[in-house]
Each structure stands twice: as C-alpha cells, then as structure tokens.
Amino acid sequence: MTEQLSEADLSRVIEMAWEDRTPFEAIEQLYGLAESDVIKLMRQQLKPSSFRLWRQRVGGRTTKHAALRHPDVQRAYCASQYKLSR
C-alpha cells in the first residue's frame, strides 16, 4: 500500500503520525493506511532511534485513537493548526 503513495503523501502521513491530535483513523480515512500500516511505514522511513521515540510518544496517547477520545472532540486537528498563506 505504501508503494502507491507519492513523496508528498508519504511526507504528509509521517507528519500526521507525529502530530499528537491526529488519530490513526484520520490517516486511514485519508490514505487507506490502518494503524499497523502506519507503524510499518514509520519503521521503514525513520531512523531506529526516531522510530523508538515515536512509538513511545504515541503508545499511551488517547488522542491518537478516536475510540479513546473524549466524545466532545469531533475533529482530527486544531482549527488554528494550519496557517493560510496570504
């Protein structure tokens, strides 16, 4: 599945995986990659030490799993996260 991603898409998936508030379900919805696929992709694309840091970071984070999120949170990212270019 990851072979079908463009360089830009691959970069965006990695960025989304690093973001604290982007759940794996959002990545799956946009790119068709399940959590296990994202883990494989991150293992392939990151240095071993960076991969270990990432796994530690997302391991216990409830915001990375939609089912564990507070029901009031309906979005995958903060509305002010992306800046508009002028």
PDB file of N, CA and C in Angstrom:
ATOM      1  N   MET A   1       0.828  -1.201   0.000  1.00  0.00           N
ATOM      2  CA  MET A   1       0.000   0.000   0.000  1.00  0.00           C
ATOM      3  C   MET A   1       0.864   1.253   0.000  1.00  0.00           C
ATOM      4  N   THR A   2       1.940   1.274   0.770  1.00  0.00           N
ATOM      5  CA  THR A   2       2.771   2.471   0.852  1.00  0.00           C
ATOM      6  C   THR A   2       3.522   2.737  -0.448  1.00  0.00           C
ATOM      7  N   GLU A   3       3.670   1.709  -1.300  1.00  0.00           N
ATOM      8  CA  GLU A   3       4.342   1.896  -2.584  1.00  0.00           C
ATOM      9  C   GLU A   3       3.531   2.816  -3.494  1.00  0.00           C
ATOM     10  N   GLN A   4       2.234   2.929  -3.241  1.00  0.00           N
ATOM     11  CA  GLN A   4       1.347   3.727  -4.077  1.00  0.00           C
ATOM     12  C   GLN A   4       1.312   5.201  -3.666  1.00  0.00           C
ATOM     13  N   LEU A   5       1.941   5.536  -2.567  1.00  0.00           N
ATOM     14  CA  LEU A   5       1.919   6.914  -2.087  1.00  0.00           C
ATOM     15  C   LEU A   5       2.987   7.748  -2.787  1.00  0.00           C
ATOM     16  N   SER A   6       2.630   8.966  -3.146  1.00  0.00           N
ATOM     17  CA  SER A   6       3.615   9.892  -3.696  1.00  0.00           C
ATOM     18  C   SER A   6       4.536  10.346  -2.566  1.00  0.00           C
ATOM     19  N   GLU A   7       5.627  10.989  -2.924  1.00  0.00           N
ATOM     20  CA  GLU A   7       6.549  11.517  -1.905  1.00  0.00           C
ATOM     21  C   GLU A   7       5.833  12.520  -0.996  1.00  0.00           C
ATOM     22  N   ALA A   8       4.987  13.350  -1.594  1.00  0.00           N
ATOM     23  CA  ALA A   8       4.249  14.343  -0.809  1.00  0.00           C
ATOM     24  C   ALA A   8       3.282  13.664   0.153  1.00  0.00           C
ATOM     25  N   ASP A   9       2.577  12.629  -0.321  1.00  0.00           N
ATOM     26  CA  ASP A   9       1.645  11.897   0.540  1.00  0.00           C
ATOM     27  C   ASP A   9       2.390  11.167   1.644  1.00  0.00           C
ATOM     28  N   LEU A  10       3.507  10.558   1.302  1.00  0.00           N
ATOM     29  CA  LEU A  10       4.321   9.857   2.291  1.00  0.00           C
ATOM     30  C   LEU A  10       4.772  10.821   3.384  1.00  0.00           C
ATOM     31  N   SER A  11       5.224  11.992   2.971  1.00  0.00           N
ATOM     32  CA  SER A  11       5.652  13.021   3.919  1.00  0.00           C
ATOM     33  C   SER A  11       4.488  13.450   4.808  1.00  0.00           C
ATOM     34  N   ARG A  12       3.317  13.613   4.223  1.00  0.00           N
ATOM     35  CA  ARG A  12       2.143  14.043   4.992  1.00  0.00           C
ATOM     36  C   ARG A  12       1.711  12.966   5.982  1.00  0.00           C
ATOM     37  N   VAL A  13       1.753  11.704   5.592  1.00  0.00           N
ATOM     38  CA  VAL A  13       1.389  10.619   6.510  1.00  0.00           C
ATOM     39  C   VAL A  13       2.337  10.619   7.708  1.00  0.00           C
ATOM     40  N   ILE A  14       3.626  10.777   7.458  1.00  0.00           N
ATOM     41  CA  ILE A  14       4.604  10.811   8.549  1.00  0.00           C
ATOM     42  C   ILE A  14       4.323  12.000   9.459  1.00  0.00           C
ATOM     43  N   GLU A  15       4.031  13.150   8.857  1.00  0.00           N
ATOM     44  CA  GLU A  15       3.707  14.340   9.645  1.00  0.00           C
ATOM     45  C   GLU A  15       2.464  14.104  10.501  1.00  0.00           C
ATOM     46  N   MET A  16       1.439  13.516   9.917  1.00  0.00           N
ATOM     47  CA  MET A  16       0.201  13.245  10.655  1.00  0.00           C
ATOM     48  C   MET A  16       0.447  12.245  11.784  1.00  0.00           C
ATOM     49  N   ALA A  17       1.299  11.259  11.533  1.00  0.00           N
ATOM     50  CA  ALA A  17       1.603  10.258  12.557  1.00  0.00           C
ATOM     51  C   ALA A  17       2.322  10.901  13.745  1.00  0.00           C
ATOM     52  N   TRP A  18       3.155  11.904  13.490  1.00  0.00           N
ATOM     53  CA  TRP A  18       3.869  12.600  14.562  1.00  0.00           C
ATOM     54  C   TRP A  18       2.959  13.549  15.331  1.00  0.00           C
ATOM     55  N   GLU A  19       1.918  14.068  14.684  1.00  0.00           N
ATOM     56  CA  GLU A  19       1.033  15.026  15.339  1.00  0.00           C
ATOM     57  C   GLU A  19       0.277  14.360  16.486  1.00  0.00           C
ATOM     58  N   ASP A  20       0.234  15.020  17.610  1.00  0.00           N
ATOM     59  CA  ASP A  20      -0.413  14.453  18.792  1.00  0.00           C
ATOM     60  C   ASP A  20      -1.910  14.275  18.617  1.00  0.00           C
ATOM     61  N   ARG A  21      -2.557  15.187  17.966  1.00  0.00           N
ATOM     62  CA  ARG A  21      -4.018  15.176  17.922  1.00  0.00           C
ATOM     63  C   ARG A  21      -4.612  14.549  16.669  1.00  0.00           C
ATOM     64  N   THR A  22      -3.797  14.017  15.796  1.00  0.00           N
ATOM     65  CA  THR A  22      -4.315  13.369  14.594  1.00  0.00           C
ATOM     66  C   THR A  22      -4.448  11.879  14.869  1.00  0.00           C
ATOM     67  N   PRO A  23      -5.669  11.361  14.922  1.00  0.00           N
ATOM     68  CA  PRO A  23      -5.848   9.933  15.215  1.00  0.00           C
ATOM     69  C   PRO A  23      -5.468   9.064  14.016  1.00  0.00           C
ATOM     70  N   PHE A  24      -5.123   7.820  14.297  1.00  0.00           N
ATOM     71  CA  PHE A  24      -4.798   6.886  13.234  1.00  0.00           C
ATOM     72  C   PHE A  24      -5.982   6.708  12.284  1.00  0.00           C
ATOM     73  N   GLU A  25      -7.180   6.847  12.799  1.00  0.00           N
ATOM     74  CA  GLU A  25      -8.376   6.702  11.961  1.00  0.00           C
ATOM     75  C   GLU A  25      -8.434   7.783  10.875  1.00  0.00           C
ATOM     76  N   ALA A  26      -7.935   8.969  11.174  1.00  0.00           N
ATOM     77  CA  ALA A  26      -7.910  10.046  10.172  1.00  0.00           C
ATOM     78  C   ALA A  26      -6.933   9.702   9.055  1.00  0.00           C
ATOM     79  N   ILE A  27      -5.805   9.113   9.410  1.00  0.00           N
ATOM     80  CA  ILE A  27      -4.826   8.691   8.406  1.00  0.00           C
ATOM     81  C   ILE A  27      -5.430   7.591   7.536  1.00  0.00           C
ATOM     82  N   GLU A  28      -6.132   6.667   8.179  1.00  0.00           N
ATOM     83  CA  GLU A  28      -6.765   5.581   7.423  1.00  0.00           C
ATOM     84  C   GLU A  28      -7.832   6.114   6.475  1.00  0.00           C
ATOM     85  N   GLN A  29      -8.610   7.063   6.951  1.00  0.00           N
ATOM     86  CA  GLN A  29      -9.667   7.634   6.119  1.00  0.00           C
ATOM     87  C   GLN A  29      -9.082   8.362   4.904  1.00  0.00           C
ATOM     88  N   LEU A  30      -8.009   9.112   5.101  1.00  0.00           N
ATOM     89  CA  LEU A  30      -7.424   9.894   4.012  1.00  0.00           C
ATOM     90  C   LEU A  30      -6.532   9.079   3.075  1.00  0.00           C
ATOM     91  N   TYR A  31      -5.771   8.138   3.635  1.00  0.00           N
ATOM     92  CA  TYR A  31      -4.757   7.439   2.847  1.00  0.00           C
ATOM     93  C   TYR A  31      -4.945   5.925   2.771  1.00  0.00           C
ATOM     94  N   GLY A  32      -5.934   5.391   3.473  1.00  0.00           N
ATOM     95  CA  GLY A  32      -6.188   3.954   3.420  1.00  0.00           C
ATOM     96  C   GLY A  32      -5.180   3.113   4.184  1.00  0.00           C
ATOM     97  N   LEU A  33      -4.445   3.724   5.104  1.00  0.00           N
ATOM     98  CA  LEU A  33      -3.443   3.006   5.886  1.00  0.00           C
ATOM     99  C   LEU A  33      -3.953   2.774   7.302  1.00  0.00           C
ATOM    100  N   ALA A  34      -4.093   1.519   7.677  1.00  0.00           N
ATOM    101  CA  ALA A  34      -4.502   1.173   9.036  1.00  0.00           C
ATOM    102  C   ALA A  34      -3.346   1.483   9.993  1.00  0.00           C
ATOM    103  N   GLU A  35      -3.627   1.458  11.279  1.00  0.00           N
ATOM    104  CA  GLU A  35      -2.598   1.755  12.276  1.00  0.00           C
ATOM    105  C   GLU A  35      -1.368   0.867  12.086  1.00  0.00           C
ATOM    106  N   SER A  36      -1.571  -0.411  11.841  1.00  0.00           N
ATOM    107  CA  SER A  36      -0.432  -1.323  11.650  1.00  0.00           C
ATOM    108  C   SER A  36       0.383  -0.941  10.410  1.00  0.00           C
ATOM    109  N   ASP A  37      -0.293  -0.453   9.366  1.00  0.00           N
ATOM    110  CA  ASP A  37       0.415   0.006   8.161  1.00  0.00           C
ATOM    111  C   ASP A  37       1.240   1.255   8.457  1.00  0.00           C
ATOM    112  N   VAL A  38       0.684   2.149   9.263  1.00  0.00           N
ATOM    113  CA  VAL A  38       1.401   3.367   9.634  1.00  0.00           C
ATOM    114  C   VAL A  38       2.638   3.006  10.455  1.00  0.00           C
ATOM    115  N   ILE A  39       2.501   2.057  11.355  1.00  0.00           N
ATOM    116  CA  ILE A  39       3.646   1.621  12.167  1.00  0.00           C
ATOM    117  C   ILE A  39       4.735   1.051  11.265  1.00  0.00           C
ATOM    118  N   LYS A  40       4.344   0.215  10.292  1.00  0.00           N
ATOM    119  CA  LYS A  40       5.324  -0.350   9.352  1.00  0.00           C
ATOM    120  C   LYS A  40       5.997   0.756   8.550  1.00  0.00           C
ATOM    121  N   LEU A  41       5.210   1.707   8.084  1.00  0.00           N
ATOM    122  CA  LEU A  41       5.745   2.820   7.308  1.00  0.00           C
ATOM    123  C   LEU A  41       6.741   3.623   8.131  1.00  0.00           C
ATOM    124  N   MET A  42       6.377   3.918   9.361  1.00  0.00           N
ATOM    125  CA  MET A  42       7.266   4.694  10.232  1.00  0.00           C
ATOM    126  C   MET A  42       8.549   3.912  10.515  1.00  0.00           C
ATOM    127  N   ARG A  43       8.436   2.619  10.689  1.00  0.00           N
ATOM    128  CA  ARG A  43       9.628   1.783  10.934  1.00  0.00           C
ATOM    129  C   ARG A  43      10.562   1.826   9.719  1.00  0.00           C
ATOM    130  N   GLN A  44       9.980   1.826   8.523  1.00  0.00           N
ATOM    131  CA  GLN A  44      10.779   1.859   7.289  1.00  0.00           C
ATOM    132  C   GLN A  44      11.401   3.232   7.038  1.00  0.00           C
ATOM    133  N   GLN A  45      10.674   4.293   7.350  1.00  0.00           N
ATOM    134  CA  GLN A  45      11.084   5.631   6.952  1.00  0.00           C
ATOM    135  C   GLN A  45      11.934   6.369   7.984  1.00  0.00           C
ATOM    136  N   LEU A  46      11.815   6.008   9.251  1.00  0.00           N
ATOM    137  CA  LEU A  46      12.546   6.723  10.307  1.00  0.00           C
ATOM    138  C   LEU A  46      13.809   5.971  10.699  1.00  0.00           C
ATOM    139  N   LYS A  47      14.755   6.705  11.257  1.00  0.00           N
ATOM    140  CA  LYS A  47      15.920   6.063  11.857  1.00  0.00           C
ATOM    141  C   LYS A  47      15.420   5.259  13.056  1.00  0.00           C
ATOM    142  N   PRO A  48      16.121   4.186  13.417  1.00  0.00           N
ATOM    143  CA  PRO A  48      15.668   3.351  14.543  1.00  0.00           C
ATOM    144  C   PRO A  48      15.407   4.142  15.825  1.00  0.00           C
ATOM    145  N   SER A  49      16.280   5.084  16.150  1.00  0.00           N
ATOM    146  CA  SER A  49      16.088   5.856  17.385  1.00  0.00           C
ATOM    147  C   SER A  49      14.849   6.755  17.277  1.00  0.00           C
ATOM    148  N   SER A  50      14.612   7.322  16.104  1.00  0.00           N
ATOM    149  CA  SER A  50      13.418   8.163  15.905  1.00  0.00           C
ATOM    150  C   SER A  50      12.154   7.324  15.970  1.00  0.00           C
ATOM    151  N   PHE A  51      12.215   6.111  15.411  1.00  0.00           N
ATOM    152  CA  PHE A  51      11.056   5.222  15.466  1.00  0.00           C
ATOM    153  C   PHE A  51      10.732   4.867  16.917  1.00  0.00           C
ATOM    154  N   ARG A  52      11.744   4.546  17.699  1.00  0.00           N
ATOM    155  CA  ARG A  52      11.510   4.218  19.111  1.00  0.00           C
ATOM    156  C   ARG A  52      10.896   5.403  19.861  1.00  0.00           C
ATOM    157  N   LEU A  53      11.402   6.600  19.605  1.00  0.00           N
ATOM    158  CA  LEU A  53      10.829   7.811  20.218  1.00  0.00           C
ATOM    159  C   LEU A  53       9.365   7.978  19.838  1.00  0.00           C
ATOM    160  N   TRP A  54       9.073   7.798  18.560  1.00  0.00           N
ATOM    161  CA  TRP A  54       7.702   7.943  18.081  1.00  0.00           C
ATOM    162  C   TRP A  54       6.783   6.913  18.739  1.00  0.00           C
ATOM    163  N   ARG A  55       7.231   5.658  18.818  1.00  0.00           N
ATOM    164  CA  ARG A  55       6.400   4.598  19.424  1.00  0.00           C
ATOM    165  C   ARG A  55       6.134   4.906  20.891  1.00  0.00           C
ATOM    166  N   GLN A  56       7.135   5.392  21.586  1.00  0.00           N
ATOM    167  CA  GLN A  56       6.956   5.782  22.987  1.00  0.00           C
ATOM    168  C   GLN A  56       5.929   6.900  23.082  1.00  0.00           C
ATOM    169  N   ARG A  57       6.046   7.853  22.190  1.00  0.00           N
ATOM    170  CA  ARG A  57       5.188   9.038  22.210  1.00  0.00           C
ATOM    171  C   ARG A  57       3.724   8.693  21.955  1.00  0.00           C
ATOM    172  N   VAL A  58       3.452   7.847  20.971  1.00  0.00           N
ATOM    173  CA  VAL A  58       2.060   7.555  20.624  1.00  0.00           C
ATOM    174  C   VAL A  58       1.495   6.373  21.396  1.00  0.00           C
ATOM    175  N   GLY A  59       2.344   5.636  22.097  1.00  0.00           N
ATOM    176  CA  GLY A  59       1.907   4.425  22.790  1.00  0.00           C
ATOM    177  C   GLY A  59       0.745   4.632  23.747  1.00  0.00           C
ATOM    178  N   GLY A  60       0.818   5.603  24.608  1.00  0.00           N
ATOM    179  CA  GLY A  60      -0.235   5.791  25.594  1.00  0.00           C
ATOM    180  C   GLY A  60      -1.100   7.007  25.339  1.00  0.00           C
ATOM    181  N   ARG A  61      -1.011   7.562  24.163  1.00  0.00           N
ATOM    182  CA  ARG A  61      -1.706   8.818  23.856  1.00  0.00           C
ATOM    183  C   ARG A  61      -3.138   8.542  23.387  1.00  0.00           C
ATOM    184  N   THR A  62      -4.101   8.968  24.168  1.00  0.00           N
ATOM    185  CA  THR A  62      -5.508   8.716  23.809  1.00  0.00           C
ATOM    186  C   THR A  62      -5.934   9.501  22.576  1.00  0.00           C
ATOM    187  N   THR A  63      -5.273  10.601  22.281  1.00  0.00           N
ATOM    188  CA  THR A  63      -5.668  11.409  21.125  1.00  0.00           C
ATOM    189  C   THR A  63      -5.325  10.733  19.799  1.00  0.00           C
ATOM    190  N   LYS A  64      -4.487   9.702  19.817  1.00  0.00           N
ATOM    191  CA  LYS A  64      -4.130   9.011  18.582  1.00  0.00           C
ATOM    192  C   LYS A  64      -5.147   7.934  18.210  1.00  0.00           C
ATOM    193  N   HIS A  65      -6.127   7.695  19.066  1.00  0.00           N
ATOM    194  CA  HIS A  65      -7.150   6.687  18.801  1.00  0.00           C
ATOM    195  C   HIS A  65      -8.525   7.312  19.011  1.00  0.00           C
ATOM    196  N   ALA A  66      -9.299   7.369  17.960  1.00  0.00           N
ATOM    197  CA  ALA A  66     -10.607   8.033  18.026  1.00  0.00           C
ATOM    198  C   ALA A  66     -11.510   7.412  19.091  1.00  0.00           C
ATOM    199  N   ALA A  67     -11.429   6.108  19.272  1.00  0.00           N
ATOM    200  CA  ALA A  67     -12.299   5.439  20.245  1.00  0.00           C
ATOM    201  C   ALA A  67     -11.970   5.844  21.678  1.00  0.00           C
ATOM    202  N   LEU A  68     -10.756   6.297  21.928  1.00  0.00           N
ATOM    203  CA  LEU A  68     -10.348   6.681  23.280  1.00  0.00           C
ATOM    204  C   LEU A  68     -10.516   8.169  23.549  1.00  0.00           C
ATOM    205  N   ARG A  69     -10.878   8.921  22.518  1.00  0.00           N
ATOM    206  CA  ARG A  69     -11.025  10.372  22.671  1.00  0.00           C
ATOM    207  C   ARG A  69     -12.285  10.734  23.438  1.00  0.00           C
ATOM    208  N   HIS A  70     -12.260  11.909  24.009  1.00  0.00           N
ATOM    209  CA  HIS A  70     -13.451  12.442  24.662  1.00  0.00           C
ATOM    210  C   HIS A  70     -14.513  12.645  23.587  1.00  0.00           C
ATOM    211  N   PRO A  71     -15.770  12.308  23.850  1.00  0.00           N
ATOM    212  CA  PRO A  71     -16.813  12.408  22.817  1.00  0.00           C
ATOM    213  C   PRO A  71     -17.043  13.819  22.282  1.00  0.00           C
ATOM    214  N   ASP A  72     -16.626  14.840  23.012  1.00  0.00           N
ATOM    215  CA  ASP A  72     -16.813  16.214  22.539  1.00  0.00           C
ATOM    216  C   ASP A  72     -15.835  16.594  21.416  1.00  0.00           C
ATOM    217  N   VAL A  73     -14.753  15.831  21.255  1.00  0.00           N
ATOM    218  CA  VAL A  73     -13.762  16.136  20.218  1.00  0.00           C
ATOM    219  C   VAL A  73     -14.214  15.492  18.921  1.00  0.00           C
ATOM    220  N   GLN A  74     -14.577  16.309  17.950  1.00  0.00           N
ATOM    221  CA  GLN A  74     -15.109  15.807  16.685  1.00  0.00           C
ATOM    222  C   GLN A  74     -14.167  16.043  15.513  1.00  0.00           C
ATOM    223  N   ARG A  75     -13.004  16.625  15.736  1.00  0.00           N
ATOM    224  CA  ARG A  75     -12.095  16.931  14.646  1.00  0.00           C
ATOM    225  C   ARG A  75     -10.764  16.235  14.878  1.00  0.00           C
ATOM    226  N   ALA A  76      -9.974  16.154  13.816  1.00  0.00           N
ATOM    227  CA  ALA A  76      -8.685  15.472  13.903  1.00  0.00           C
ATOM    228  C   ALA A  76      -7.545  16.437  14.167  1.00  0.00           C
ATOM    229  N   TYR A  77      -7.800  17.737  14.038  1.00  0.00           N
ATOM    230  CA  TYR A  77      -6.734  18.708  14.242  1.00  0.00           C
ATOM    231  C   TYR A  77      -7.304  20.003  14.780  1.00  0.00           C
ATOM    232  N   CYS A  78      -6.442  20.805  15.330  1.00  0.00           N
ATOM    233  CA  CYS A  78      -6.834  22.098  15.871  1.00  0.00           C
ATOM    234  C   CYS A  78      -7.152  23.052  14.717  1.00  0.00           C
ATOM    235  N   ALA A  79      -8.206  23.817  14.839  1.00  0.00           N
ATOM    236  CA  ALA A  79      -8.621  24.719  13.766  1.00  0.00           C
ATOM    237  C   ALA A  79      -7.556  25.757  13.434  1.00  0.00           C
ATOM    238  N   SER A  80      -6.731  26.130  14.390  1.00  0.00           N
ATOM    239  CA  SER A  80      -5.689  27.132  14.138  1.00  0.00           C
ATOM    240  C   SER A  80      -4.341  26.489  13.782  1.00  0.00           C
ATOM    241  N   GLN A  81      -4.335  25.183  13.574  1.00  0.00           N
ATOM    242  CA  GLN A  81      -3.090  24.468  13.314  1.00  0.00           C
ATOM    243  C   GLN A  81      -2.466  24.864  11.978  1.00  0.00           C
ATOM    244  N   TYR A  82      -3.272  25.021  10.971  1.00  0.00           N
ATOM    245  CA  TYR A  82      -2.754  25.321   9.640  1.00  0.00           C
ATOM    246  C   TYR A  82      -2.914  26.809   9.337  1.00  0.00           C
ATOM    247  N   LYS A  83      -1.841  27.415   8.924  1.00  0.00           N
ATOM    248  CA  LYS A  83      -1.877  28.837   8.627  1.00  0.00           C
ATOM    249  C   LYS A  83      -2.181  29.037   7.146  1.00  0.00           C
ATOM    250  N   LEU A  84      -2.984  29.992   6.858  1.00  0.00           N
ATOM    251  CA  LEU A  84      -3.310  30.311   5.478  1.00  0.00           C
ATOM    252  C   LEU A  84      -2.225  31.207   4.901  1.00  0.00           C
ATOM    253  N   SER A  85      -1.821  30.909   3.681  1.00  0.00           N
ATOM    254  CA  SER A  85      -0.832  31.790   3.057  1.00  0.00           C
ATOM    255  C   SER A  85      -1.540  32.986   2.448  1.00  0.00           C
ATOM    256  N   ARG A  86      -0.927  34.113   2.566  1.00  0.00           N
ATOM    257  CA  ARG A  86      -1.555  35.341   2.063  1.00  0.00           C
ATOM    258  C   ARG A  86      -0.733  35.925   0.962  1.00  0.00           C
TER     259      ARG A  86
END
